[in-house]
């Protein structure tokens, strides 16, 4: 069977969710400020997922329906105090999966000023019913913890030291769902008190261990920097990170260098701004293979922005994306046009964006080539449309409707490769 014939063509026709949310806050004692503020929330909802795809010579449709009931409790310290804390706990029981989540944070701010210490802890748990139709059926849990201290605060700069840990455990680990433990440390020197702009430079180091697959254990070392400037002359933001990734067994996965750069610029022009956003991602492997190959992905958005940041803000952009990947069939060039509206009105708040364009693949043609990449998948050029909607409509004093939707169809030169992904949700919220 050709790999291109086995490539699943997916159509998520609809994902709908509805929920009614009830929330309440603890009242303050008369004449006194509360030491803490608590808020509770109960929501009930229903989700429907529909997915259609073409596999080999068969059309397949999968439908997933889930009813869920969620209860949450949020608390935080009140006012500007030296010791500030926050806590959020949430449990959800559904017809397909049970979920639990706990987030807690602490801030030490002497004289209610700049933070000198920050601690954060989070835990997530998921348990799937035996009859669940979810593709991920293994129960799992994930925990994270982080600590940041600021041992030195100067007039113009501060030292920021961080340590963090993360652990993911699956009840039944598999090739795609593997337990891992990670520990990291970082140090940054960052500006403070500069109204003209901010900057940050630092180093990171991390070690990730896979108990069931020690061959892919890895160590990473990174250097990164950030600069942001703003004013009447325009806006500038630059970020860069270079990372060295060392793998335990080079025969399983090669070690590599990666470089990530982002640049965002806005310059006044007429009633609005000329804007440009550029991203570059480079991977260089010590020993490239058919799966792990050198690549350079660059994308840019260039256009015009006008309107009111506190009202209606419009964007008209040309988008370009290019992937250089040698003989890999994944190498491509993509060009599109995007228009968007962001509204920050009193009754309706949200973003609507529409993009249309085309992608051309330039990689090896498996019909004529003997490249090692022929064992992978064939790719065909396609036209695409991408629609995104996120909106909140406050149609009454205590009632609002939240909408989220996306639809992304692709029309390929090879009809069997046609695909479309869609998502839609609606939530009715009541705040007493």
Protein backbone atom coordinates (compact mmCIF):
# COMPACT_ATOMS: atom_id res chain seq x y z
CA UNK A 1 0.00 0.00 0.00
CA UNK A 2 1.42 3.41 -0.91
CA UNK A 3 1.98 5.69 2.02
CA UNK A 4 0.00 8.46 0.30
CA UNK A 5 -3.06 6.19 0.09
CA UNK A 6 -2.78 5.41 3.81
CA UNK A 7 -2.62 9.07 4.77
CA UNK A 8 -5.83 9.85 6.69
CA UNK A 9 -7.89 12.72 5.24
CA UNK A 10 -9.76 14.23 8.11
CA UNK A 11 -13.02 16.17 8.27
CA UNK A 12 -14.07 17.34 11.69
CA UNK A 13 -17.56 18.42 10.68
CA UNK A 14 -18.60 19.99 13.99
CA UNK A 15 -17.71 20.27 17.63
CA UNK A 16 -20.49 21.88 19.63
CA UNK A 17 -20.49 22.62 23.36
CA UNK A 18 -23.07 24.35 25.52
CA UNK A 19 -22.78 25.21 29.19
CA UNK A 20 -24.64 27.15 31.86
CA UNK A 21 -22.28 28.64 34.43
CA UNK A 22 -23.27 29.77 37.93
CA UNK A 23 -20.69 31.67 40.01
CA UNK A 24 -20.68 33.37 43.39
CA UNK A 25 -18.15 35.31 45.44
CA UNK A 26 -17.80 35.32 49.21
CA UNK A 27 -19.26 38.58 50.63
CA UNK A 28 -17.05 40.94 52.55
CA UNK A 29 -17.76 41.68 56.18
CA UNK A 30 -19.39 45.05 56.73
CA UNK A 31 -16.84 47.79 57.33
CA UNK A 32 -13.80 45.48 56.97
CA UNK A 33 -11.70 44.27 54.04
CA UNK A 34 -11.70 40.48 53.62
CA UNK A 35 -8.36 38.68 53.94
CA UNK A 36 -9.29 36.49 50.95
CA UNK A 37 -11.74 36.47 48.05
CA UNK A 38 -13.39 33.18 47.04
CA UNK A 39 -15.45 32.41 43.96
CA UNK A 40 -17.26 29.20 43.06
CA UNK A 41 -18.55 28.01 39.70
CA UNK A 42 -20.70 25.17 38.47
CA UNK A 43 -21.12 24.42 34.77
CA UNK A 44 -22.93 21.79 32.76
CA UNK A 45 -22.30 21.13 29.10
CA UNK A 46 -22.42 18.77 26.14
CA UNK A 47 -19.80 18.30 23.42
CA UNK A 48 -20.21 16.57 20.07
CA UNK A 49 -17.19 15.74 17.88
CA UNK A 50 -17.65 14.46 14.33
CA UNK A 51 -14.63 13.30 12.32
CA UNK A 52 -14.64 11.92 8.77
CA UNK A 53 -11.55 10.70 6.94
CA UNK A 54 -10.55 8.72 3.87
CA UNK A 55 -8.27 5.78 4.62
CA UNK A 56 -7.20 3.43 1.81
CA UNK A 57 -10.49 2.75 -0.05
CA UNK A 58 -12.88 3.34 2.86
CA UNK A 59 -14.70 6.40 4.15
CA UNK A 60 -14.89 6.43 7.93
CA UNK A 61 -16.92 8.59 10.30
CA UNK A 62 -16.35 8.74 14.06
CA UNK A 63 -18.71 10.53 16.44
CA UNK A 64 -17.96 11.35 20.06
CA UNK A 65 -20.58 12.77 22.42
CA UNK A 66 -19.79 13.82 25.96
CA UNK A 67 -21.92 15.26 28.74
CA UNK A 68 -19.95 16.83 31.58
CA UNK A 69 -20.57 18.50 34.94
CA UNK A 70 -17.82 20.74 36.34
CA UNK A 71 -17.38 22.38 39.74
CA UNK A 72 -14.61 24.86 40.50
CA UNK A 73 -13.43 26.91 43.47
CA UNK A 74 -11.10 29.92 43.14
CA UNK A 75 -9.48 31.84 45.97
CA UNK A 76 -6.89 34.59 46.27
CA UNK A 77 -5.46 36.93 48.86
CA UNK A 78 -7.05 40.36 49.06
CA UNK A 79 -5.35 43.65 48.31
CA UNK A 80 -1.69 44.62 48.02
CA UNK A 81 -0.02 42.66 50.81
CA UNK A 82 3.50 41.35 51.33
CA UNK A 83 2.34 37.73 50.99
CA UNK A 84 -0.04 37.03 48.11
CA UNK A 85 -1.48 33.63 47.22
CA UNK A 86 -3.95 32.08 44.81
CA UNK A 87 -5.66 28.69 44.63
CA UNK A 88 -7.89 27.08 42.02
CA UNK A 89 -9.40 23.60 42.22
CA UNK A 90 -11.65 22.03 39.58
CA UNK A 91 -13.28 18.62 39.15
CA UNK A 92 -15.26 17.41 36.14
CA UNK A 93 -17.30 14.25 35.71
CA UNK A 94 -18.23 13.32 32.15
CA UNK A 95 -19.79 10.52 30.22
CA UNK A 96 -16.35 9.86 28.64
CA UNK A 97 -13.67 11.12 31.04
CA UNK A 98 -13.14 12.43 34.56
CA UNK A 99 -10.80 15.41 35.03
CA UNK A 100 -9.18 17.06 38.05
CA UNK A 101 -7.05 20.18 38.23
CA UNK A 102 -5.33 22.11 41.03
CA UNK A 103 -3.31 25.33 40.58
CA UNK A 104 -1.66 27.20 43.45
CA UNK A 105 0.66 30.20 43.56
CA UNK A 106 2.51 32.32 46.09
CA UNK A 107 4.17 35.75 45.77
CA UNK A 108 6.37 37.51 48.30
CA UNK A 109 6.31 41.26 47.64
CA UNK A 110 8.00 43.22 50.45
CA UNK A 111 6.14 46.47 51.14
CA UNK A 112 3.73 45.41 48.36
CA UNK A 113 6.39 46.27 45.78
CA UNK A 114 8.22 44.17 43.20
CA UNK A 115 8.08 40.39 43.77
CA UNK A 116 11.18 38.84 45.36
CA UNK A 117 9.96 35.24 45.33
CA UNK A 118 7.39 33.31 43.29
CA UNK A 119 6.26 29.71 43.68
CA UNK A 120 3.75 27.88 41.47
CA UNK A 121 2.36 24.34 41.58
CA UNK A 122 -0.09 22.67 39.17
CA UNK A 123 -1.52 19.15 38.86
CA UNK A 124 -3.84 17.63 36.22
CA UNK A 125 -5.50 14.23 36.26
CA UNK A 126 -7.58 12.36 33.65
CA UNK A 127 -9.38 9.01 33.92
CA UNK A 128 -11.20 7.58 30.91
CA UNK A 129 -14.30 5.41 31.17
CA UNK A 130 -13.89 1.84 29.91
CA UNK A 131 -16.49 2.50 27.19
CA UNK A 132 -14.89 5.79 26.10
CA UNK A 133 -14.51 6.42 22.36
CA UNK A 134 -11.53 8.73 22.92
CA UNK A 135 -8.47 7.78 20.90
CA UNK A 136 -6.29 8.45 23.97
CA UNK A 137 -7.52 5.84 26.40
CA UNK A 138 -4.73 5.67 28.96
CA UNK A 139 -5.40 7.35 32.29
CA UNK A 140 -2.72 9.92 33.04
CA UNK A 141 -1.61 12.66 35.38
CA UNK A 142 0.76 15.58 35.07
CA UNK A 143 2.39 17.73 37.73
CA UNK A 144 4.44 20.91 37.50
CA UNK A 145 6.26 23.03 40.08
CA UNK A 146 8.36 26.17 39.71
CA UNK A 147 10.28 28.56 41.94
CA UNK A 148 11.62 32.01 41.02
CA UNK A 149 13.74 34.23 43.21
CA UNK A 150 15.11 37.73 42.67
CA UNK A 151 18.27 37.91 44.79
CA UNK A 152 19.29 41.30 43.41
CA UNK A 153 17.21 44.27 42.33
CA UNK A 154 19.13 47.21 40.95
CA UNK A 155 17.82 50.54 39.78
CA UNK A 156 17.72 49.51 36.12
CA UNK A 157 18.09 45.72 36.17
CA UNK A 158 17.19 42.65 38.22
CA UNK A 159 18.54 39.11 38.53
CA UNK A 160 15.89 36.41 38.00
CA UNK A 161 16.78 32.82 38.98
CA UNK A 162 14.39 29.91 38.24
CA UNK A 163 14.13 26.19 38.94
CA UNK A 164 11.27 23.97 37.75
CA UNK A 165 10.17 20.37 37.58
CA UNK A 166 7.62 18.46 35.54
CA UNK A 167 6.37 14.87 35.66
CA UNK A 168 3.97 13.03 33.30
CA UNK A 169 2.73 9.52 34.13
CA UNK A 170 0.47 7.22 32.07
CA UNK A 171 -1.22 4.22 33.63
CA UNK A 172 -0.40 2.22 30.47
CA UNK A 173 2.62 3.82 28.72
CA UNK A 174 2.98 3.30 24.96
CA UNK A 175 5.15 4.48 22.08
CA UNK A 176 3.19 7.73 21.74
CA UNK A 177 2.31 8.10 25.43
CA UNK A 178 5.50 7.83 27.48
CA UNK A 179 6.19 8.75 31.08
CA UNK A 180 8.88 11.39 31.56
CA UNK A 181 10.46 13.43 34.34
CA UNK A 182 12.07 16.81 33.72
CA UNK A 183 14.09 19.25 35.82
CA UNK A 184 15.33 22.66 34.66
CA UNK A 185 17.19 25.72 35.88
CA UNK A 186 17.55 29.19 34.38
CA UNK A 187 19.08 32.56 35.12
CA UNK A 188 18.10 35.91 33.56
CA UNK A 189 19.19 39.51 33.80
CA UNK A 190 16.22 41.77 32.99
CA UNK A 191 15.56 45.49 32.86
CA UNK A 192 13.21 47.20 35.32
CA UNK A 193 11.72 50.66 35.53
CA UNK A 194 12.52 51.63 31.92
CA UNK A 195 9.42 53.23 30.41
CA UNK A 196 10.99 53.35 26.93
CA UNK A 197 11.35 49.58 26.65
CA UNK A 198 12.40 46.35 28.29
CA UNK A 199 15.11 43.75 27.68
CA UNK A 200 16.01 40.29 29.04
CA UNK A 201 18.95 37.91 28.49
CA UNK A 202 19.68 34.56 30.09
CA UNK A 203 20.60 30.87 30.03
CA UNK A 204 18.52 27.70 30.49
CA UNK A 205 19.43 24.08 31.17
CA UNK A 206 17.11 21.07 31.42
CA UNK A 207 17.27 17.28 31.71
CA UNK A 208 14.39 15.04 30.62
CA UNK A 209 14.34 11.30 31.45
CA UNK A 210 12.04 8.66 29.93
CA UNK A 211 11.92 5.69 32.35
CA UNK A 212 10.66 3.27 29.67
CA UNK A 213 12.85 4.60 26.81
CA UNK A 214 16.15 5.71 28.25
CA UNK A 215 17.66 5.85 24.75
CA UNK A 216 15.85 9.13 24.09
CA UNK A 217 16.75 10.79 27.41
CA UNK A 218 18.01 14.26 26.63
CA UNK A 219 19.83 17.29 28.00
CA UNK A 220 19.18 20.78 26.62
CA UNK A 221 21.13 24.00 26.99
CA UNK A 222 19.79 27.30 25.67
CA UNK A 223 20.64 30.98 25.48
CA UNK A 224 17.89 33.49 24.83
CA UNK A 225 17.27 37.21 24.71
CA UNK A 226 14.34 39.59 24.29
CA UNK A 227 14.01 43.30 23.48
CA UNK A 228 10.86 45.43 23.34
CA UNK A 229 10.61 49.10 22.45
CA UNK A 230 7.62 51.36 21.93
CA UNK A 231 6.74 54.99 21.40
CA UNK A 232 5.40 57.50 18.92
CA UNK A 233 8.02 56.43 16.36
CA UNK A 234 6.70 52.87 16.31
CA UNK A 235 6.92 49.49 18.03
CA UNK A 236 9.66 46.85 17.99
CA UNK A 237 9.85 43.39 19.60
CA UNK A 238 12.70 40.91 19.08
CA UNK A 239 13.12 37.45 20.62
CA UNK A 240 15.80 34.83 19.96
CA UNK A 241 16.66 31.43 21.47
CA UNK A 242 19.46 29.06 20.47
CA UNK A 243 19.33 25.57 21.96
CA UNK A 244 21.60 22.55 21.98
CA UNK A 245 19.78 19.21 22.43
CA UNK A 246 21.88 16.16 23.38
CA UNK A 247 20.26 12.71 23.05
CA UNK A 248 21.41 9.71 25.11
CA UNK A 249 21.51 7.27 22.15
CA UNK A 250 22.50 8.93 18.86
CA UNK A 251 21.48 5.83 16.87
CA UNK A 252 17.85 6.30 17.92
CA UNK A 253 17.58 10.08 17.57
CA UNK A 254 20.43 12.43 16.62
CA UNK A 255 21.46 15.38 18.74
CA UNK A 256 20.73 18.78 17.22
CA UNK A 257 20.96 22.55 17.32
CA UNK A 258 17.83 24.69 17.00
CA UNK A 259 17.47 28.45 16.56
CA UNK A 260 14.18 30.32 17.00
CA UNK A 261 13.80 34.03 16.12
CA UNK A 262 10.77 36.32 16.16
CA UNK A 263 10.62 39.97 15.08
CA UNK A 264 7.57 42.24 15.20
CA UNK A 265 7.55 45.82 13.87
CA UNK A 266 4.85 48.51 13.61
CA UNK A 267 5.45 51.96 12.06
CA UNK A 268 2.90 54.84 11.90
CA UNK A 269 1.47 55.41 8.42
CA UNK A 270 -1.55 57.61 7.73
CA UNK A 271 -4.41 56.76 10.08
CA UNK A 272 -2.90 53.41 11.04
CA UNK A 273 0.34 51.42 11.11
CA UNK A 274 2.41 49.39 8.68
CA UNK A 275 3.02 46.06 10.47
CA UNK A 276 5.33 43.11 9.91
CA UNK A 277 5.86 39.90 11.88
CA UNK A 278 8.65 37.48 10.93
CA UNK A 279 9.46 34.08 12.46
CA UNK A 280 12.42 31.82 11.70
CA UNK A 281 12.97 28.25 12.97
CA UNK A 282 16.17 26.34 12.12
CA UNK A 283 17.04 22.71 12.96
CA UNK A 284 20.50 21.23 12.33
CA UNK A 285 21.06 17.56 13.25
CA UNK A 286 24.44 15.99 13.91
CA UNK A 287 23.46 12.98 11.74
CA UNK A 288 20.33 13.73 9.65
CA UNK A 289 17.98 10.86 8.80
CA UNK A 290 14.74 10.46 6.82
CA UNK A 291 12.78 11.30 9.97
CA UNK A 292 15.12 13.80 11.63
CA UNK A 293 16.31 16.13 8.84
CA UNK A 294 17.81 19.61 8.67
CA UNK A 295 15.23 22.29 8.00
CA UNK A 296 14.55 26.01 7.99
CA UNK A 297 11.00 27.29 8.32
CA UNK A 298 10.33 30.99 7.86
CA UNK A 299 7.01 32.79 7.81
CA UNK A 300 6.05 36.45 7.56
CA UNK A 301 2.92 38.58 7.85
CA UNK A 302 3.12 42.03 6.27
CA UNK A 303 0.32 44.56 5.92
CA UNK A 304 -1.63 47.44 7.43
CA UNK A 305 -3.38 47.91 10.77
CA UNK A 306 -5.94 50.60 11.48
CA UNK A 307 -8.69 51.42 13.92
CA UNK A 308 -8.95 51.87 17.67
CA UNK A 309 -7.16 49.59 20.15
CA UNK A 310 -10.14 50.08 22.49
CA UNK A 311 -12.79 49.76 19.77
CA UNK A 312 -12.60 48.09 16.36
CA UNK A 313 -9.12 47.13 15.12
CA UNK A 314 -8.66 45.94 11.50
CA UNK A 315 -5.80 44.05 9.83
CA UNK A 316 -5.12 43.43 6.11
CA UNK A 317 -2.09 41.16 5.63
CA UNK A 318 -0.12 39.18 3.08
CA UNK A 319 1.18 35.94 4.62
CA UNK A 320 4.15 33.94 3.34
CA UNK A 321 5.53 30.66 4.73
CA UNK A 322 8.47 28.66 3.42
CA UNK A 323 10.02 25.37 4.57
CA UNK A 324 13.47 24.40 3.29
CA UNK A 325 14.01 20.70 4.05
CA UNK A 326 16.41 19.33 1.43
CA UNK A 327 15.00 16.28 -0.37
CA UNK A 328 12.14 15.85 2.09
CA UNK A 329 8.68 15.88 0.48
CA UNK A 330 7.62 18.27 3.24
CA UNK A 331 9.48 21.24 1.68
CA UNK A 332 6.92 23.82 0.59
CA UNK A 333 6.05 27.47 -0.09
CA UNK A 334 2.72 28.97 1.00
CA UNK A 335 1.19 32.37 0.19
CA UNK A 336 -2.08 33.78 1.47
CA UNK A 337 -4.20 36.88 2.13
CA UNK A 338 -5.67 37.52 5.58
CA UNK A 339 -8.22 39.99 6.89
CA UNK A 340 -9.27 40.31 10.53
CA UNK A 341 -11.40 42.40 12.84
CA UNK A 342 -10.91 42.64 16.60
CA UNK A 343 -13.78 44.33 18.45
CA UNK A 344 -13.59 45.60 22.02
CA UNK A 345 -17.06 47.10 22.37
CA UNK A 346 -19.20 47.12 25.49
CA UNK A 347 -21.69 44.49 24.28
CA UNK A 348 -19.61 42.43 21.81
CA UNK A 349 -15.95 41.54 22.19
CA UNK A 350 -14.09 39.18 19.91
CA UNK A 351 -11.95 38.43 16.87
CA UNK A 352 -12.90 37.30 13.36
CA UNK A 353 -10.17 36.36 10.87
CA UNK A 354 -10.32 34.92 7.33
CA UNK A 355 -7.34 33.75 5.27
CA UNK A 356 -7.19 32.19 1.80
CA UNK A 357 -4.12 30.98 -0.06
CA UNK A 358 -2.19 28.15 -1.68
CA UNK A 359 0.67 25.80 -0.73
CA UNK A 360 3.16 24.32 -3.21
CA UNK A 361 5.36 21.35 -2.27
CA UNK A 362 8.88 21.20 -3.69
CA UNK A 363 10.21 17.96 -2.16
CA UNK A 364 11.24 14.75 -3.90
CA UNK A 365 8.71 13.15 -6.27
CA UNK A 366 8.44 9.48 -5.21
CA UNK A 367 7.37 8.47 -8.72
CA UNK A 368 10.77 9.42 -10.18
CA UNK A 369 13.15 9.76 -7.25
CA UNK A 370 15.20 7.20 -5.34
CA UNK A 371 15.63 9.45 -2.30
CA UNK A 372 15.48 7.89 1.16
CA UNK A 373 12.50 10.15 1.78
CA UNK A 374 10.41 8.05 -0.62
CA UNK A 375 9.55 5.74 2.27
CA UNK A 376 7.57 8.53 3.85
CA UNK A 377 4.41 10.18 2.56
CA UNK A 378 3.55 11.89 -0.70
CA UNK A 379 2.36 15.50 -0.55
CA UNK A 380 0.16 17.33 -3.07
CA UNK A 381 -0.33 21.07 -3.61
CA UNK A 382 -3.53 22.56 -2.23
CA UNK A 383 -5.66 25.69 -1.93
CA UNK A 384 -6.84 26.49 1.60
CA UNK A 385 -9.26 28.69 3.52
CA UNK A 386 -8.93 29.32 7.26
CA UNK A 387 -11.68 30.95 9.32
CA UNK A 388 -11.44 31.76 13.04
CA UNK A 389 -14.14 33.24 15.26
CA UNK A 390 -13.96 34.08 18.96
CA UNK A 391 -16.70 36.29 20.40
CA UNK A 392 -18.43 37.21 23.65
CA UNK A 393 -21.87 38.82 23.45
CA UNK A 394 -23.22 40.35 26.67
CA UNK A 395 -26.89 40.45 25.64
CA UNK A 396 -28.19 41.04 29.19
CA UNK A 397 -26.92 42.46 32.47
CA UNK A 398 -25.93 39.03 33.85
CA UNK A 399 -26.04 36.87 30.73
CA UNK A 400 -23.56 36.43 27.92
CA UNK A 401 -22.96 34.09 25.00
CA UNK A 402 -19.44 32.88 24.24
CA UNK A 403 -18.71 31.55 20.75
CA UNK A 404 -15.57 29.88 19.39
CA UNK A 405 -15.26 28.38 15.92
CA UNK A 406 -12.73 27.49 13.23
CA UNK A 407 -13.01 25.90 9.80
CA UNK A 408 -10.03 24.97 7.62
CA UNK A 409 -10.78 23.14 4.33
CA UNK A 410 -8.04 22.08 1.89
CA UNK A 411 -8.53 21.30 -1.81
CA UNK A 412 -5.59 19.25 -3.12
CA UNK A 413 -4.46 18.46 -6.64
CA UNK A 414 -4.81 14.81 -5.50
CA UNK A 415 -8.48 14.53 -4.55
CA UNK A 416 -7.81 11.76 -2.01
CA UNK A 417 -5.70 14.25 -0.03
CA UNK A 418 -8.59 16.72 0.42
CA UNK A 419 -9.09 17.56 4.08
CA UNK A 420 -11.08 19.88 6.32
CA UNK A 421 -10.84 20.53 10.03
CA UNK A 422 -13.62 22.28 11.93
CA UNK A 423 -14.44 23.27 15.47
CA UNK A 424 -17.38 25.13 16.98
CA UNK A 425 -18.54 25.71 20.56
CA UNK A 426 -21.20 27.82 22.26
CA UNK A 427 -21.46 28.54 25.98
CA UNK A 428 -24.26 30.35 27.80
CA UNK A 429 -22.93 32.03 30.95
CA UNK A 430 -24.94 33.40 33.89
CA UNK A 431 -23.25 35.59 36.52
CA UNK A 432 -25.59 36.24 39.48
